[in-house]
């Protein structure tokens, strides 16, 4: 038995020896690893933060009846365009003193809301006329203009380099765009307050009309009256959550009431999403955003970041912050539906037409960056480079390399022997 074990062990050693000899023989025939070369290229590089969210109308209104009753007729359906004042539904009711008192309270509440909307609109007009909300952006722009004029004189006198002067010019363009965006946003905000006041006035008119109808019904020995529910805004009917014959509850101080229709202005839509806390510190209002929608994969839409939530919410162990962006470009033949999910790439920083190389071709040693420049056939020399913005795949080269220099293409760095 011992003799058999020794024979088996000897055979195993012979097999292992033969295998190792075959492996080293093949490795010798393969020779050293050969690398291809590549060149730096001119491209655009952008550093982005991604927000996930959905498309929503900026203004979405739930139309509710002013009295309780039963839906007698519906005049609209989802997807239909309506105008302000258009009839939406007819409510049958039997008025009572309780309903009259409630309607009177609704009138007072609507009147208070109108007064509040008027005060807010006047406050916003004062802000707009005095340019208080664009004062800082204008001041920054004026300072940038002065700095550009000063640097231009220094540049003409040969005191500063062209690169420094161009950096000042770029800063001037950024400050100018920020000032223009702030002015546009200020005007949009004023229009929004004007629309809000108009809505409150329509609500007051509807409340007063409803009270009048209820009073007429009571004074005529409780004869049934019909209340016509009308649209308070122009827009598209997104949903009609009731059917003919459904019971509806009036809106009052104790309940929200039953929605007859949901109407929104689909010509003024925004993107609402959430950004991870690791990226939110880099964001500022006015940054450009490129929106992609899952339902429309072949299109992208430009937007401007206009809101960043001051407070985050924890979701699945991470903190996320809500952001909103105004969509500024939409092709005429593309309809963005409310609720479409999408992703927004927020451009944190961007470089156009800069010399760049792939991140994989860069060596990092002691907080310094190097590339291996081709000096001969499979011969390379390390050269230090100064890097700029990176998008994760490509990195900007500020100094040390141009597009005519061949560098080592480090596809298989694990085979490299130093």
Protein backbone atom coordinates (compact mmCIF):
# COMPACT_ATOMS: atom_id res chain seq x y z
CA UNK A 1 0.00 0.00 0.00
CA UNK A 2 2.86 2.38 0.83
CA UNK A 3 4.50 1.48 -2.46
CA UNK A 4 1.31 2.45 -4.37
CA UNK A 5 1.15 5.83 -2.62
CA UNK A 6 4.75 6.55 -3.54
CA UNK A 7 4.07 5.71 -7.18
CA UNK A 8 0.99 7.97 -7.24
CA UNK A 9 2.91 10.82 -5.66
CA UNK A 10 5.67 10.45 -8.23
CA UNK A 11 3.20 10.58 -11.10
CA UNK A 12 1.62 13.75 -9.63
CA UNK A 13 5.01 15.46 -9.38
CA UNK A 14 5.79 14.58 -12.99
CA UNK A 15 2.45 16.08 -14.17
CA UNK A 16 2.96 19.27 -12.20
CA UNK A 17 6.50 19.67 -13.51
CA UNK A 18 5.33 19.20 -17.09
CA UNK A 19 2.55 21.77 -16.58
CA UNK A 20 4.89 24.41 -15.18
CA UNK A 21 7.37 23.81 -18.01
CA UNK A 22 4.60 24.28 -20.59
CA UNK A 23 3.37 27.49 -18.91
CA UNK A 24 6.81 29.14 -18.76
CA UNK A 25 7.51 28.08 -22.36
CA UNK A 26 4.35 29.82 -23.57
CA UNK A 27 5.09 32.91 -21.50
CA UNK A 28 8.54 33.12 -23.09
CA UNK A 29 7.04 32.87 -26.59
CA UNK A 30 4.53 35.64 -25.87
CA UNK A 31 7.28 38.15 -25.26
CA UNK A 32 6.77 41.50 -23.53
CA UNK A 33 3.38 43.23 -23.50
CA UNK A 34 3.05 45.75 -26.31
CA UNK A 35 1.09 48.95 -25.90
CA UNK A 36 -0.66 51.10 -28.46
CA UNK A 37 -0.29 54.85 -28.52
CA UNK A 38 -2.89 57.58 -28.65
CA UNK A 39 -3.09 61.37 -28.79
CA UNK A 40 -4.77 64.02 -26.71
CA UNK A 41 -7.93 65.35 -28.32
CA UNK A 42 -9.96 68.53 -28.21
CA UNK A 43 -13.39 67.97 -26.73
CA UNK A 44 -16.01 69.44 -24.40
CA UNK A 45 -15.90 68.30 -20.77
CA UNK A 46 -18.72 68.76 -18.30
CA UNK A 47 -19.04 67.89 -14.63
CA UNK A 48 -22.65 66.95 -13.89
CA UNK A 49 -24.97 66.14 -11.00
CA UNK A 50 -27.95 63.90 -11.74
CA UNK A 51 -31.47 64.59 -10.45
CA UNK A 52 -34.23 61.99 -10.79
CA UNK A 53 -37.84 63.12 -10.83
CA UNK A 54 -40.83 63.82 -13.04
CA UNK A 55 -42.56 66.41 -15.23
CA UNK A 56 -45.20 68.56 -13.56
CA UNK A 57 -47.22 71.62 -14.57
CA UNK A 58 -46.22 74.77 -12.72
CA UNK A 59 -49.84 75.62 -11.98
CA UNK A 60 -52.29 72.78 -11.29
CA UNK A 61 -55.76 73.61 -9.96
CA UNK A 62 -58.31 71.32 -8.34
CA UNK A 63 -61.77 72.61 -9.24
CA UNK A 64 -64.17 71.97 -6.37
CA UNK A 65 -67.89 72.72 -6.01
CA UNK A 66 -69.12 75.46 -3.72
CA UNK A 67 -72.11 73.39 -2.58
CA UNK A 68 -72.78 69.75 -1.77
CA UNK A 69 -75.03 67.70 -4.02
CA UNK A 70 -75.06 65.22 -6.88
CA UNK A 71 -73.31 65.57 -10.23
CA UNK A 72 -76.14 66.04 -12.70
CA UNK A 73 -74.06 66.58 -15.85
CA UNK A 74 -70.40 66.63 -16.85
CA UNK A 75 -69.36 68.83 -19.77
CA UNK A 76 -65.67 67.96 -20.09
CA UNK A 77 -63.35 64.93 -20.12
CA UNK A 78 -59.65 64.35 -19.53
CA UNK A 79 -57.37 65.74 -22.25
CA UNK A 80 -59.76 68.51 -23.27
CA UNK A 81 -58.62 72.13 -23.45
CA UNK A 82 -60.78 74.59 -21.50
CA UNK A 83 -60.79 78.32 -21.00
CA UNK A 84 -61.40 80.32 -17.87
CA UNK A 85 -65.12 80.52 -17.15
CA UNK A 86 -66.04 77.46 -19.21
CA UNK A 87 -68.71 75.18 -17.73
CA UNK A 88 -67.35 71.94 -16.30
CA UNK A 89 -70.26 70.33 -14.48
CA UNK A 90 -73.79 70.87 -13.19
CA UNK A 91 -74.55 70.11 -9.53
CA UNK A 92 -78.08 69.44 -8.28
CA UNK A 93 -78.71 70.40 -4.69
CA UNK A 94 -81.38 71.16 -2.11
CA UNK A 95 -80.23 74.27 -0.33
CA UNK A 96 -80.50 74.59 3.43
CA UNK A 97 -79.70 77.24 5.99
CA UNK A 98 -76.57 75.31 6.93
CA UNK A 99 -75.40 75.47 3.30
CA UNK A 100 -76.16 79.18 3.13
CA UNK A 101 -74.11 79.89 6.26
CA UNK A 102 -71.26 77.79 4.93
CA UNK A 103 -71.39 79.57 1.57
CA UNK A 104 -71.27 82.91 3.36
CA UNK A 105 -68.15 81.78 5.20
CA UNK A 106 -66.60 80.73 1.89
CA UNK A 107 -67.23 84.19 0.50
CA UNK A 108 -65.46 85.80 3.44
CA UNK A 109 -62.57 83.35 3.17
CA UNK A 110 -62.27 83.98 -0.56
CA UNK A 111 -62.32 87.74 0.04
CA UNK A 112 -59.49 87.42 2.59
CA UNK A 113 -57.50 85.38 0.11
CA UNK A 114 -58.00 88.06 -2.55
CA UNK A 115 -56.75 90.70 -0.14
CA UNK A 116 -53.73 88.59 0.73
CA UNK A 117 -53.03 88.01 -2.97
CA UNK A 118 -53.31 91.75 -3.64
CA UNK A 119 -50.83 92.52 -0.85
CA UNK A 120 -48.42 89.89 -2.11
CA UNK A 121 -48.72 91.19 -5.68
CA UNK A 122 -48.07 94.78 -4.54
CA UNK A 123 -45.05 93.61 -2.54
CA UNK A 124 -43.72 91.76 -5.59
CA UNK A 125 -44.33 94.80 -7.80
CA UNK A 126 -42.25 96.92 -5.40
CA UNK A 127 -39.51 94.29 -5.50
CA UNK A 128 -39.68 94.13 -9.30
CA UNK A 129 -39.79 97.91 -9.86
CA UNK A 130 -36.87 98.49 -7.49
CA UNK A 131 -35.03 95.43 -8.83
CA UNK A 132 -34.42 94.19 -5.30
CA UNK A 133 -34.33 90.53 -6.36
CA UNK A 134 -31.74 91.18 -9.09
CA UNK A 135 -29.71 93.76 -7.18
CA UNK A 136 -26.95 91.36 -6.19
CA UNK A 137 -26.70 89.86 -9.70
CA UNK A 138 -26.56 93.37 -11.21
CA UNK A 139 -23.91 94.47 -8.75
CA UNK A 140 -21.80 91.41 -9.55
CA UNK A 141 -22.21 92.11 -13.27
CA UNK A 142 -21.22 95.78 -12.88
CA UNK A 143 -18.12 94.77 -10.91
CA UNK A 144 -17.25 92.21 -13.58
CA UNK A 145 -17.57 94.91 -16.29
CA UNK A 146 -15.21 97.19 -14.37
CA UNK A 147 -12.74 94.37 -13.81
CA UNK A 148 -12.85 93.43 -17.50
CA UNK A 149 -12.12 97.02 -18.53
CA UNK A 150 -9.22 97.18 -16.08
CA UNK A 151 -7.79 93.84 -17.22
CA UNK A 152 -8.22 94.81 -20.87
CA UNK A 153 -6.07 97.89 -20.33
CA UNK A 154 -3.46 95.79 -18.53
CA UNK A 155 -3.56 93.24 -21.33
CA UNK A 156 -3.11 95.92 -24.00
CA UNK A 157 -0.14 97.23 -22.03
CA UNK A 158 1.34 93.73 -21.89
CA UNK A 159 1.14 93.49 -18.09
CA UNK A 160 -1.19 90.44 -17.91
CA UNK A 161 -1.27 87.36 -20.13
CA UNK A 162 -3.97 86.59 -22.66
CA UNK A 163 -5.01 83.56 -20.60
CA UNK A 164 -5.63 85.72 -17.51
CA UNK A 165 -7.54 88.25 -19.60
CA UNK A 166 -9.70 85.52 -21.18
CA UNK A 167 -10.48 84.17 -17.71
CA UNK A 168 -11.81 87.62 -16.75
CA UNK A 169 -13.84 87.73 -19.98
CA UNK A 170 -15.34 84.34 -19.16
CA UNK A 171 -16.24 85.52 -15.66
CA UNK A 172 -17.92 88.58 -17.22
CA UNK A 173 -20.04 86.34 -19.47
CA UNK A 174 -21.06 84.20 -16.50
CA UNK A 175 -22.07 87.25 -14.44
CA UNK A 176 -23.97 88.68 -17.41
CA UNK A 177 -25.92 85.44 -17.91
CA UNK A 178 -26.70 85.30 -14.18
CA UNK A 179 -28.01 88.88 -14.28
CA UNK A 180 -30.17 88.17 -17.35
CA UNK A 181 -31.54 84.96 -15.80
CA UNK A 182 -32.33 86.82 -12.57
CA UNK A 183 -34.22 89.48 -14.54
CA UNK A 184 -36.22 86.86 -16.43
CA UNK A 185 -37.01 84.97 -13.24
CA UNK A 186 -38.11 88.20 -11.56
CA UNK A 187 -40.56 88.89 -14.38
CA UNK A 188 -41.88 85.32 -14.25
CA UNK A 189 -42.41 85.61 -10.52
CA UNK A 190 -44.42 88.82 -10.98
CA UNK A 191 -46.61 87.13 -13.60
CA UNK A 192 -47.14 84.22 -11.25
CA UNK A 193 -48.39 86.56 -8.50
CA UNK A 194 -50.67 88.28 -11.04
CA UNK A 195 -52.09 84.90 -12.07
CA UNK A 196 -52.57 83.97 -8.42
CA UNK A 197 -54.53 87.18 -7.77
CA UNK A 198 -56.67 86.49 -10.83
CA UNK A 199 -57.40 83.00 -9.54
CA UNK A 200 -58.36 84.36 -6.11
CA UNK A 201 -60.69 86.89 -7.71
CA UNK A 202 -62.35 84.14 -9.72
CA UNK A 203 -62.73 82.07 -6.57
CA UNK A 204 -64.35 85.06 -4.83
CA UNK A 205 -66.71 85.62 -7.75
CA UNK A 206 -67.67 81.94 -7.73
CA UNK A 207 -68.24 82.01 -3.96
CA UNK A 208 -70.45 85.10 -4.22
CA UNK A 209 -72.39 83.55 -7.10
CA UNK A 210 -72.89 80.33 -5.14
CA UNK A 211 -74.18 82.26 -2.12
CA UNK A 212 -76.64 84.10 -4.33
CA UNK A 213 -77.92 80.86 -5.82
CA UNK A 214 -78.34 79.29 -2.41
CA UNK A 215 -80.20 82.33 -1.09
CA UNK A 216 -82.58 82.29 -4.03
CA UNK A 217 -83.27 78.63 -3.43
CA UNK A 218 -84.07 79.18 0.24
CA UNK A 219 -86.35 82.18 -0.38
CA UNK A 220 -88.28 80.18 -2.99
CA UNK A 221 -89.46 77.51 -0.53
CA UNK A 222 -86.41 75.28 -0.99
CA UNK A 223 -86.94 74.84 -4.75
CA UNK A 224 -84.06 72.83 -6.26
CA UNK A 225 -81.46 74.93 -8.04
CA UNK A 226 -78.56 73.97 -10.34
CA UNK A 227 -75.05 75.15 -9.62
CA UNK A 228 -72.72 75.34 -12.60
CA UNK A 229 -69.08 74.58 -11.80
CA UNK A 230 -66.77 76.57 -14.07
CA UNK A 231 -63.04 76.56 -14.73
CA UNK A 232 -61.06 79.21 -12.91
CA UNK A 233 -58.06 79.03 -15.29
CA UNK A 234 -57.16 78.32 -18.89
CA UNK A 235 -55.56 74.92 -19.44
CA UNK A 236 -55.97 71.22 -20.06
CA UNK A 237 -58.21 68.89 -18.09
CA UNK A 238 -55.83 66.33 -16.59
CA UNK A 239 -58.43 64.31 -14.70
CA UNK A 240 -62.16 64.16 -14.01
CA UNK A 241 -62.33 62.05 -10.84
CA UNK A 242 -66.16 61.93 -10.60
CA UNK A 243 -68.96 60.44 -12.68
CA UNK A 244 -72.49 61.62 -13.33
CA UNK A 245 -74.58 60.64 -10.35
CA UNK A 246 -71.67 60.85 -7.90
CA UNK A 247 -72.22 62.66 -4.64
CA UNK A 248 -69.91 65.60 -4.03
CA UNK A 249 -69.07 67.58 -0.92
CA UNK A 250 -68.64 71.33 -0.91
CA UNK A 251 -65.36 72.94 0.05
CA UNK A 252 -65.43 74.62 3.43
CA UNK A 253 -63.35 75.22 6.53
CA UNK A 254 -63.77 71.63 7.70
CA UNK A 255 -62.95 69.62 4.56
CA UNK A 256 -61.26 70.04 1.20
CA UNK A 257 -64.32 69.09 -0.79
CA UNK A 258 -64.65 66.78 -3.80
CA UNK A 259 -62.61 67.58 -6.89
CA UNK A 260 -64.72 67.91 -10.02
CA UNK A 261 -61.75 68.32 -12.35
CA UNK A 262 -58.00 68.87 -12.27
CA UNK A 263 -56.83 71.56 -14.71
CA UNK A 264 -53.28 72.62 -15.49
CA UNK A 265 -51.48 74.91 -17.90
CA UNK A 266 -49.44 72.38 -19.91
CA UNK A 267 -47.62 75.17 -21.76
CA UNK A 268 -45.77 76.07 -18.57
CA UNK A 269 -44.22 72.92 -17.13
CA UNK A 270 -41.33 72.24 -14.79
CA UNK A 271 -39.13 69.35 -13.76
CA UNK A 272 -39.23 68.33 -10.10
CA UNK A 273 -36.54 65.96 -8.92
CA UNK A 274 -34.24 65.03 -6.09
CA UNK A 275 -30.45 65.28 -5.81
CA UNK A 276 -28.15 63.37 -3.49
CA UNK A 277 -26.64 65.36 -0.62
CA UNK A 278 -23.13 64.72 -2.01
CA UNK A 279 -23.96 66.91 -5.04
CA UNK A 280 -26.35 69.53 -3.67
CA UNK A 281 -23.56 71.68 -2.21
CA UNK A 282 -22.24 72.27 -5.74
CA UNK A 283 -25.56 73.51 -7.12
CA UNK A 284 -26.74 77.09 -7.55
CA UNK A 285 -29.96 78.53 -8.89
CA UNK A 286 -29.66 79.50 -12.53
CA UNK A 287 -27.47 76.54 -13.52
CA UNK A 288 -28.35 74.90 -16.87
CA UNK A 289 -29.95 71.47 -16.86
CA UNK A 290 -30.36 68.89 -19.65
CA UNK A 291 -33.50 66.81 -19.16
CA UNK A 292 -34.05 63.33 -20.61
CA UNK A 293 -37.45 61.66 -20.40
CA UNK A 294 -37.82 57.89 -20.33
CA UNK A 295 -40.94 57.96 -22.52
CA UNK A 296 -39.17 60.08 -25.18
CA UNK A 297 -35.68 58.55 -25.43
CA UNK A 298 -34.67 60.37 -28.64
CA UNK A 299 -35.20 63.89 -27.29
CA UNK A 300 -33.53 66.06 -24.68
CA UNK A 301 -34.83 69.31 -23.21
CA UNK A 302 -33.05 72.38 -21.86
CA UNK A 303 -34.01 73.74 -18.46
CA UNK A 304 -32.82 76.24 -15.85
CA UNK A 305 -32.47 75.31 -12.18
CA UNK A 306 -34.70 77.67 -10.20
CA UNK A 307 -35.19 76.06 -6.79
CA UNK A 308 -33.08 74.01 -4.35
CA UNK A 309 -34.80 72.80 -1.18
CA UNK A 310 -33.25 74.16 2.03
CA UNK A 311 -34.08 70.90 3.82
CA UNK A 312 -33.38 67.33 2.75
CA UNK A 313 -35.41 64.18 3.29
CA UNK A 314 -34.02 60.76 4.10
CA UNK A 315 -34.81 58.07 1.54
CA UNK A 316 -33.46 54.54 1.78
CA UNK A 317 -30.62 55.56 4.04
CA UNK A 318 -29.52 58.63 2.04
CA UNK A 319 -30.52 62.29 2.29
CA UNK A 320 -32.00 63.83 -0.85
CA UNK A 321 -32.89 67.44 -1.65
CA UNK A 322 -35.74 68.52 -3.90
CA UNK A 323 -34.91 70.68 -6.92
CA UNK A 324 -37.10 72.38 -9.52
CA UNK A 325 -36.14 73.48 -13.02
CA UNK A 326 -38.07 75.50 -15.60
CA UNK A 327 -38.13 73.77 -18.99
CA UNK A 328 -37.08 76.34 -21.59
CA UNK A 329 -37.09 74.31 -24.82
CA UNK A 330 -39.77 71.95 -26.15
CA UNK A 331 -40.25 70.99 -29.83
CA UNK A 332 -43.70 71.75 -31.24
CA UNK A 333 -44.27 68.10 -32.17
CA UNK A 334 -43.39 66.77 -28.69
CA UNK A 335 -45.97 66.75 -25.90
CA UNK A 336 -44.63 66.40 -22.37
CA UNK A 337 -47.30 64.76 -20.24
CA UNK A 338 -47.65 65.42 -16.55
CA UNK A 339 -46.09 62.60 -14.57
CA UNK A 340 -43.44 61.59 -17.11
CA UNK A 341 -40.37 60.36 -15.22
CA UNK A 342 -37.02 61.78 -16.23
CA UNK A 343 -33.43 62.50 -15.28
CA UNK A 344 -31.87 65.95 -15.20
CA UNK A 345 -28.15 66.42 -15.77
CA UNK A 346 -27.25 69.62 -13.94
CA UNK A 347 -24.13 71.18 -15.48
CA UNK A 348 -21.95 72.09 -12.49
CA UNK A 349 -18.92 73.11 -14.55
CA UNK A 350 -18.06 72.94 -18.23
CA UNK A 351 -15.08 73.41 -20.50
CA UNK A 352 -15.54 73.78 -24.26
CA UNK A 353 -12.92 72.74 -26.82
CA UNK A 354 -10.12 71.91 -24.41
CA UNK A 355 -7.18 69.50 -24.73
CA UNK A 356 -8.07 66.27 -22.91
CA UNK A 357 -6.95 62.68 -22.40
CA UNK A 358 -8.68 59.64 -21.00
CA UNK A 359 -8.40 59.19 -17.26
CA UNK A 360 -7.06 55.65 -17.75
CA UNK A 361 -3.95 57.03 -19.50
CA UNK A 362 -2.92 59.20 -16.53
CA UNK A 363 -0.50 58.08 -13.80
CA UNK A 364 -0.77 59.55 -10.31
CA UNK A 365 2.24 59.59 -8.01
CA UNK A 366 2.61 61.64 -4.83
CA UNK A 367 -0.32 63.91 -5.76
CA UNK A 368 1.25 64.60 -9.16
CA UNK A 369 -0.09 63.55 -12.56
CA UNK A 370 1.97 62.08 -15.39
CA UNK A 371 1.51 60.68 -18.88
CA UNK A 372 3.96 58.44 -20.69
CA UNK A 373 5.13 60.13 -23.90
CA UNK A 374 6.25 57.97 -26.83
CA UNK A 375 9.98 58.42 -27.53
CA UNK A 376 10.53 55.37 -29.75
CA UNK A 377 9.23 51.92 -30.59
CA UNK A 378 7.68 50.73 -27.30
CA UNK A 379 9.81 53.34 -25.52
CA UNK A 380 8.21 55.86 -23.21
CA UNK A 381 9.14 58.77 -21.00
CA UNK A 382 7.08 60.05 -18.10
CA UNK A 383 6.03 63.69 -18.38
CA UNK A 384 4.30 65.69 -15.69
CA UNK A 385 1.02 67.36 -16.71
CA UNK A 386 -1.32 69.80 -15.01
CA UNK A 387 -4.93 68.64 -15.07
CA UNK A 388 -8.21 70.50 -14.88
CA UNK A 389 -11.86 69.47 -15.02
CA UNK A 390 -12.80 65.78 -15.27
CA UNK A 391 -16.08 64.09 -16.21
CA UNK A 392 -14.98 60.68 -14.99
CA UNK A 393 -13.83 59.42 -18.41
CA UNK A 394 -11.85 62.34 -19.79
CA UNK A 395 -9.80 64.96 -17.99
CA UNK A 396 -8.73 68.42 -19.15
CA UNK A 397 -4.98 68.98 -19.65
CA UNK A 398 -3.96 72.51 -18.74
CA UNK A 399 -0.19 72.24 -19.20
CA UNK A 400 2.38 69.76 -20.44
CA UNK A 401 0.66 68.23 -23.48
CA UNK A 402 -0.76 69.13 -26.87
CA UNK A 403 -2.71 67.22 -29.51
CA UNK A 404 0.39 66.37 -31.59
CA UNK A 405 2.15 64.36 -28.87
CA UNK A 406 1.80 60.58 -28.84
CA UNK A 407 1.23 59.02 -25.41
CA UNK A 408 0.99 55.48 -24.08
CA UNK A 409 -2.45 53.93 -24.21
CA UNK A 410 -2.60 52.15 -20.87
CA UNK A 411 -5.28 49.56 -21.61
CA UNK A 412 -3.59 46.75 -19.65
CA UNK A 413 -1.73 48.50 -16.81
CA UNK A 414 -1.78 45.30 -14.75
CA UNK A 415 0.79 43.81 -17.16
CA UNK A 416 3.08 46.80 -16.91
CA UNK A 417 6.52 46.25 -15.34
CA UNK A 418 8.28 49.29 -13.96
